[in-house]
Amino acid sequence: MEQQKKIILFDGVCNLCNGFVQFIIKRDAQDVFRYASLQSKIGQKLLSERHIDSSKIDSVVLIEL
């Protein structure tokens, strides 16, 4: 992942979370964010590296590198 980017992890199953991500994508003119679902391998890796219990997360997580 690019060092300057902020990563939004979101629940890939949740329609509200997907809508939130689509909202941000349309307004991210400066290309600040990258996205991954909580369920993805990279999402699980990022949560694990930060000692975040994925069983307690069911929404959105912002990771600033």
PDB file of N, CA and C in Angstrom:
ATOM      1  N   MET A   1       0.840  -1.194   0.000  1.00  0.00           N
ATOM      2  CA  MET A   1       0.000   0.000   0.000  1.00  0.00           C
ATOM      3  C   MET A   1       0.883   1.256   0.000  1.00  0.00           C
ATOM      4  N   GLU A   2       0.388   2.268  -0.602  1.00  0.00           N
ATOM      5  CA  GLU A   2       1.128   3.518  -0.686  1.00  0.00           C
ATOM      6  C   GLU A   2       1.147   4.188   0.690  1.00  0.00           C
ATOM      7  N   GLN A   3       2.287   4.700   1.094  1.00  0.00           N
ATOM      8  CA  GLN A   3       2.471   5.219   2.445  1.00  0.00           C
ATOM      9  C   GLN A   3       1.612   6.452   2.755  1.00  0.00           C
ATOM     10  N   GLN A   4       1.322   7.285   1.779  1.00  0.00           N
ATOM     11  CA  GLN A   4       0.577   8.512   2.033  1.00  0.00           C
ATOM     12  C   GLN A   4      -0.931   8.286   2.116  1.00  0.00           C
ATOM     13  N   LYS A   5      -1.386   7.142   1.687  1.00  0.00           N
ATOM     14  CA  LYS A   5      -2.818   6.893   1.586  1.00  0.00           C
ATOM     15  C   LYS A   5      -3.411   6.480   2.916  1.00  0.00           C
ATOM     16  N   LYS A   6      -4.675   6.772   3.085  1.00  0.00           N
ATOM     17  CA  LYS A   6      -5.442   6.313   4.238  1.00  0.00           C
ATOM     18  C   LYS A   6      -6.300   5.158   3.753  1.00  0.00           C
ATOM     19  N   ILE A   7      -6.442   4.159   4.582  1.00  0.00           N
ATOM     20  CA  ILE A   7      -7.175   2.955   4.191  1.00  0.00           C
ATOM     21  C   ILE A   7      -8.480   2.884   4.956  1.00  0.00           C
ATOM     22  N   ILE A   8      -9.554   2.696   4.216  1.00  0.00           N
ATOM     23  CA  ILE A   8     -10.865   2.488   4.825  1.00  0.00           C
ATOM     24  C   ILE A   8     -11.199   1.015   4.702  1.00  0.00           C
ATOM     25  N   LEU A   9     -11.315   0.363   5.860  1.00  0.00           N
ATOM     26  CA  LEU A   9     -11.782  -1.023   5.899  1.00  0.00           C
ATOM     27  C   LEU A   9     -13.268  -0.979   6.188  1.00  0.00           C
ATOM     28  N   PHE A  10     -14.037  -1.726   5.433  1.00  0.00           N
ATOM     29  CA  PHE A  10     -15.486  -1.672   5.580  1.00  0.00           C
ATOM     30  C   PHE A  10     -16.065  -3.075   5.512  1.00  0.00           C
ATOM     31  N   ASP A  11     -17.247  -3.218   6.073  1.00  0.00           N
ATOM     32  CA  ASP A  11     -17.943  -4.503   6.038  1.00  0.00           C
ATOM     33  C   ASP A  11     -18.457  -4.711   4.619  1.00  0.00           C
ATOM     34  N   GLY A  12     -17.844  -5.629   3.910  1.00  0.00           N
ATOM     35  CA  GLY A  12     -18.182  -5.860   2.513  1.00  0.00           C
ATOM     36  C   GLY A  12     -19.551  -6.469   2.299  1.00  0.00           C
ATOM     37  N   VAL A  13     -20.212  -6.907   3.370  1.00  0.00           N
ATOM     38  CA  VAL A  13     -21.529  -7.523   3.282  1.00  0.00           C
ATOM     39  C   VAL A  13     -22.636  -6.499   3.552  1.00  0.00           C
ATOM     40  N   CYS A  14     -22.277  -5.418   4.217  1.00  0.00           N
ATOM     41  CA  CYS A  14     -23.250  -4.411   4.663  1.00  0.00           C
ATOM     42  C   CYS A  14     -23.564  -3.410   3.538  1.00  0.00           C
ATOM     43  N   ASN A  15     -24.821  -3.302   3.187  1.00  0.00           N
ATOM     44  CA  ASN A  15     -25.227  -2.342   2.149  1.00  0.00           C
ATOM     45  C   ASN A  15     -24.965  -0.906   2.569  1.00  0.00           C
ATOM     46  N   LEU A  16     -25.179  -0.585   3.833  1.00  0.00           N
ATOM     47  CA  LEU A  16     -24.932   0.771   4.316  1.00  0.00           C
ATOM     48  C   LEU A  16     -23.441   1.105   4.208  1.00  0.00           C
ATOM     49  N   CYS A  17     -22.586   0.169   4.596  1.00  0.00           N
ATOM     50  CA  CYS A  17     -21.139   0.379   4.502  1.00  0.00           C
ATOM     51  C   CYS A  17     -20.703   0.534   3.050  1.00  0.00           C
ATOM     52  N   ASN A  18     -21.251  -0.280   2.168  1.00  0.00           N
ATOM     53  CA  ASN A  18     -20.938  -0.160   0.740  1.00  0.00           C
ATOM     54  C   ASN A  18     -21.384   1.188   0.194  1.00  0.00           C
ATOM     55  N   GLY A  19     -22.550   1.650   0.640  1.00  0.00           N
ATOM     56  CA  GLY A  19     -23.035   2.968   0.231  1.00  0.00           C
ATOM     57  C   GLY A  19     -22.122   4.080   0.724  1.00  0.00           C
ATOM     58  N   PHE A  20     -21.633   3.925   1.963  1.00  0.00           N
ATOM     59  CA  PHE A  20     -20.702   4.892   2.534  1.00  0.00           C
ATOM     60  C   PHE A  20     -19.429   4.968   1.685  1.00  0.00           C
ATOM     61  N   VAL A  21     -18.890   3.815   1.320  1.00  0.00           N
ATOM     62  CA  VAL A  21     -17.670   3.762   0.509  1.00  0.00           C
ATOM     63  C   VAL A  21     -17.915   4.414  -0.851  1.00  0.00           C
ATOM     64  N   GLN A  22     -19.035   4.129  -1.474  1.00  0.00           N
ATOM     65  CA  GLN A  22     -19.361   4.752  -2.764  1.00  0.00           C
ATOM     66  C   GLN A  22     -19.466   6.265  -2.630  1.00  0.00           C
ATOM     67  N   PHE A  23     -20.033   6.736  -1.515  1.00  0.00           N
ATOM     68  CA  PHE A  23     -20.144   8.166  -1.230  1.00  0.00           C
ATOM     69  C   PHE A  23     -18.754   8.798  -1.161  1.00  0.00           C
ATOM     70  N   ILE A  24     -17.840   8.146  -0.434  1.00  0.00           N
ATOM     71  CA  ILE A  24     -16.480   8.668  -0.288  1.00  0.00           C
ATOM     72  C   ILE A  24     -15.738   8.634  -1.622  1.00  0.00           C
ATOM     73  N   ILE A  25     -15.864   7.546  -2.362  1.00  0.00           N
ATOM     74  CA  ILE A  25     -15.164   7.421  -3.656  1.00  0.00           C
ATOM     75  C   ILE A  25     -15.538   8.576  -4.583  1.00  0.00           C
ATOM     76  N   LYS A  26     -16.806   8.921  -4.639  1.00  0.00           N
ATOM     77  CA  LYS A  26     -17.267   9.993  -5.528  1.00  0.00           C
ATOM     78  C   LYS A  26     -16.719  11.354  -5.128  1.00  0.00           C
ATOM     79  N   ARG A  27     -16.349  11.516  -3.850  1.00  0.00           N
ATOM     80  CA  ARG A  27     -15.907  12.810  -3.354  1.00  0.00           C
ATOM     81  C   ARG A  27     -14.404  12.867  -3.062  1.00  0.00           C
ATOM     82  N   ASP A  28     -13.693  11.802  -3.319  1.00  0.00           N
ATOM     83  CA  ASP A  28     -12.261  11.734  -3.028  1.00  0.00           C
ATOM     84  C   ASP A  28     -11.452  12.256  -4.217  1.00  0.00           C
ATOM     85  N   ALA A  29     -11.623  13.522  -4.528  1.00  0.00           N
ATOM     86  CA  ALA A  29     -10.971  14.128  -5.688  1.00  0.00           C
ATOM     87  C   ALA A  29      -9.454  14.145  -5.558  1.00  0.00           C
ATOM     88  N   GLN A  30      -8.941  14.152  -4.334  1.00  0.00           N
ATOM     89  CA  GLN A  30      -7.492  14.199  -4.110  1.00  0.00           C
ATOM     90  C   GLN A  30      -6.884  12.798  -4.006  1.00  0.00           C
ATOM     91  N   ASP A  31      -7.701  11.770  -4.202  1.00  0.00           N
ATOM     92  CA  ASP A  31      -7.233  10.375  -4.191  1.00  0.00           C
ATOM     93  C   ASP A  31      -6.501  10.035  -2.889  1.00  0.00           C
ATOM     94  N   VAL A  32      -7.145  10.330  -1.769  1.00  0.00           N
ATOM     95  CA  VAL A  32      -6.560  10.143  -0.444  1.00  0.00           C
ATOM     96  C   VAL A  32      -6.727   8.709   0.057  1.00  0.00           C
ATOM     97  N   PHE A  33      -7.826   8.069  -0.304  1.00  0.00           N
ATOM     98  CA  PHE A  33      -8.205   6.801   0.308  1.00  0.00           C
ATOM     99  C   PHE A  33      -7.993   5.587  -0.586  1.00  0.00           C
ATOM    100  N   ARG A  34      -7.741   4.466   0.075  1.00  0.00           N
ATOM    101  CA  ARG A  34      -7.777   3.140  -0.516  1.00  0.00           C
ATOM    102  C   ARG A  34      -8.787   2.345   0.297  1.00  0.00           C
ATOM    103  N   TYR A  35      -9.323   1.282  -0.273  1.00  0.00           N
ATOM    104  CA  TYR A  35     -10.433   0.563   0.339  1.00  0.00           C
ATOM    105  C   TYR A  35     -10.182  -0.937   0.342  1.00  0.00           C
ATOM    106  N   ALA A  36     -10.661  -1.588   1.404  1.00  0.00           N
ATOM    107  CA  ALA A  36     -10.621  -3.046   1.479  1.00  0.00           C
ATOM    108  C   ALA A  36     -11.736  -3.491   2.414  1.00  0.00           C
ATOM    109  N   SER A  37     -12.316  -4.622   2.118  1.00  0.00           N
ATOM    110  CA  SER A  37     -13.355  -5.116   3.008  1.00  0.00           C
ATOM    111  C   SER A  37     -12.718  -5.750   4.239  1.00  0.00           C
ATOM    112  N   LEU A  38     -13.438  -5.720   5.337  1.00  0.00           N
ATOM    113  CA  LEU A  38     -12.974  -6.357   6.572  1.00  0.00           C
ATOM    114  C   LEU A  38     -12.753  -7.847   6.366  1.00  0.00           C
ATOM    115  N   GLN A  39     -13.499  -8.441   5.438  1.00  0.00           N
ATOM    116  CA  GLN A  39     -13.453  -9.877   5.207  1.00  0.00           C
ATOM    117  C   GLN A  39     -12.286 -10.297   4.304  1.00  0.00           C
ATOM    118  N   SER A  40     -11.656  -9.344   3.642  1.00  0.00           N
ATOM    119  CA  SER A  40     -10.585  -9.669   2.692  1.00  0.00           C
ATOM    120  C   SER A  40      -9.300 -10.055   3.426  1.00  0.00           C
ATOM    121  N   LYS A  41      -8.389 -10.689   2.701  1.00  0.00           N
ATOM    122  CA  LYS A  41      -7.096 -11.070   3.291  1.00  0.00           C
ATOM    123  C   LYS A  41      -6.327  -9.844   3.761  1.00  0.00           C
ATOM    124  N   ILE A  42      -6.288  -8.802   2.936  1.00  0.00           N
ATOM    125  CA  ILE A  42      -5.558  -7.591   3.326  1.00  0.00           C
ATOM    126  C   ILE A  42      -6.240  -6.905   4.499  1.00  0.00           C
ATOM    127  N   GLY A  43      -7.571  -6.898   4.516  1.00  0.00           N
ATOM    128  CA  GLY A  43      -8.310  -6.327   5.641  1.00  0.00           C
ATOM    129  C   GLY A  43      -8.000  -7.059   6.936  1.00  0.00           C
ATOM    130  N   GLN A  44      -8.010  -8.376   6.889  1.00  0.00           N
ATOM    131  CA  GLN A  44      -7.699  -9.185   8.074  1.00  0.00           C
ATOM    132  C   GLN A  44      -6.252  -8.959   8.511  1.00  0.00           C
ATOM    133  N   LYS A  45      -5.343  -8.831   7.551  1.00  0.00           N
ATOM    134  CA  LYS A  45      -3.932  -8.600   7.870  1.00  0.00           C
ATOM    135  C   LYS A  45      -3.745  -7.249   8.560  1.00  0.00           C
ATOM    136  N   LEU A  46      -4.384  -6.214   8.025  1.00  0.00           N
ATOM    137  CA  LEU A  46      -4.260  -4.878   8.610  1.00  0.00           C
ATOM    138  C   LEU A  46      -4.844  -4.829  10.019  1.00  0.00           C
ATOM    139  N   LEU A  47      -5.976  -5.492  10.224  1.00  0.00           N
ATOM    140  CA  LEU A  47      -6.576  -5.544  11.565  1.00  0.00           C
ATOM    141  C   LEU A  47      -5.664  -6.292  12.530  1.00  0.00           C
ATOM    142  N   SER A  48      -5.138  -7.413  12.083  1.00  0.00           N
ATOM    143  CA  SER A  48      -4.268  -8.233  12.926  1.00  0.00           C
ATOM    144  C   SER A  48      -3.004  -7.474  13.327  1.00  0.00           C
ATOM    145  N   GLU A  49      -2.405  -6.775  12.381  1.00  0.00           N
ATOM    146  CA  GLU A  49      -1.189  -5.999  12.666  1.00  0.00           C
ATOM    147  C   GLU A  49      -1.435  -4.924  13.717  1.00  0.00           C
ATOM    148  N   ARG A  50      -2.656  -4.463  13.803  1.00  0.00           N
ATOM    149  CA  ARG A  50      -3.011  -3.400  14.752  1.00  0.00           C
ATOM    150  C   ARG A  50      -3.724  -3.935  15.994  1.00  0.00           C
ATOM    151  N   HIS A  51      -3.771  -5.237  16.107  1.00  0.00           N
ATOM    152  CA  HIS A  51      -4.389  -5.911  17.259  1.00  0.00           C
ATOM    153  C   HIS A  51      -5.849  -5.496  17.449  1.00  0.00           C
ATOM    154  N   ILE A  52      -6.568  -5.406  16.350  1.00  0.00           N
ATOM    155  CA  ILE A  52      -8.000  -5.089  16.374  1.00  0.00           C
ATOM    156  C   ILE A  52      -8.748  -6.394  16.191  1.00  0.00           C
ATOM    157  N   ASP A  53      -9.628  -6.692  17.130  1.00  0.00           N
ATOM    158  CA  ASP A  53     -10.410  -7.927  17.098  1.00  0.00           C
ATOM    159  C   ASP A  53     -11.513  -7.788  16.052  1.00  0.00           C
ATOM    160  N   SER A  54     -11.384  -8.520  14.952  1.00  0.00           N
ATOM    161  CA  SER A  54     -12.351  -8.400  13.849  1.00  0.00           C
ATOM    162  C   SER A  54     -13.745  -8.879  14.239  1.00  0.00           C
ATOM    163  N   SER A  55     -13.858  -9.669  15.284  1.00  0.00           N
ATOM    164  CA  SER A  55     -15.187 -10.124  15.720  1.00  0.00           C
ATOM    165  C   SER A  55     -15.962  -9.000  16.409  1.00  0.00           C
ATOM    166  N   LYS A  56     -15.275  -7.925  16.785  1.00  0.00           N
ATOM    167  CA  LYS A  56     -15.928  -6.800  17.458  1.00  0.00           C
ATOM    168  C   LYS A  56     -16.160  -5.619  16.510  1.00  0.00           C
ATOM    169  N   ILE A  57     -15.779  -5.789  15.249  1.00  0.00           N
ATOM    170  CA  ILE A  57     -15.926  -4.738  14.244  1.00  0.00           C
ATOM    171  C   ILE A  57     -16.996  -5.144  13.256  1.00  0.00           C
ATOM    172  N   ASP A  58     -17.977  -4.285  13.019  1.00  0.00           N
ATOM    173  CA  ASP A  58     -19.004  -4.603  12.028  1.00  0.00           C
ATOM    174  C   ASP A  58     -19.379  -3.377  11.204  1.00  0.00           C
ATOM    175  N   SER A  59     -18.417  -2.475  11.058  1.00  0.00           N
ATOM    176  CA  SER A  59     -18.726  -1.245  10.350  1.00  0.00           C
ATOM    177  C   SER A  59     -17.522  -0.799   9.526  1.00  0.00           C
ATOM    178  N   VAL A  60     -16.953   0.343   9.891  1.00  0.00           N
ATOM    179  CA  VAL A  60     -15.877   0.957   9.115  1.00  0.00           C
ATOM    180  C   VAL A  60     -14.691   1.259  10.043  1.00  0.00           C
ATOM    181  N   VAL A  61     -13.486   1.027   9.532  1.00  0.00           N
ATOM    182  CA  VAL A  61     -12.258   1.339  10.262  1.00  0.00           C
ATOM    183  C   VAL A  61     -11.389   2.180   9.346  1.00  0.00           C
ATOM    184  N   LEU A  62     -10.869   3.287   9.877  1.00  0.00           N
ATOM    185  CA  LEU A  62      -9.948   4.142   9.125  1.00  0.00           C
ATOM    186  C   LEU A  62      -8.543   3.879   9.635  1.00  0.00           C
ATOM    187  N   ILE A  63      -7.642   3.535   8.726  1.00  0.00           N
ATOM    188  CA  ILE A  63      -6.246   3.306   9.073  1.00  0.00           C
ATOM    189  C   ILE A  63      -5.416   4.378   8.394  1.00  0.00           C
ATOM    190  N   GLU A  64      -4.673   5.127   9.205  1.00  0.00           N
ATOM    191  CA  GLU A  64      -3.766   6.142   8.676  1.00  0.00           C
ATOM    192  C   GLU A  64      -2.363   5.589   8.784  1.00  0.00           C
ATOM    193  N   LEU A  65      -1.679   5.499   7.670  1.00  0.00           N
ATOM    194  CA  LEU A  65      -0.313   4.950   7.654  1.00  0.00           C
ATOM    195  C   LEU A  65       0.696   6.021   7.953  1.00  0.00           C
TER     196      LEU A  65
END
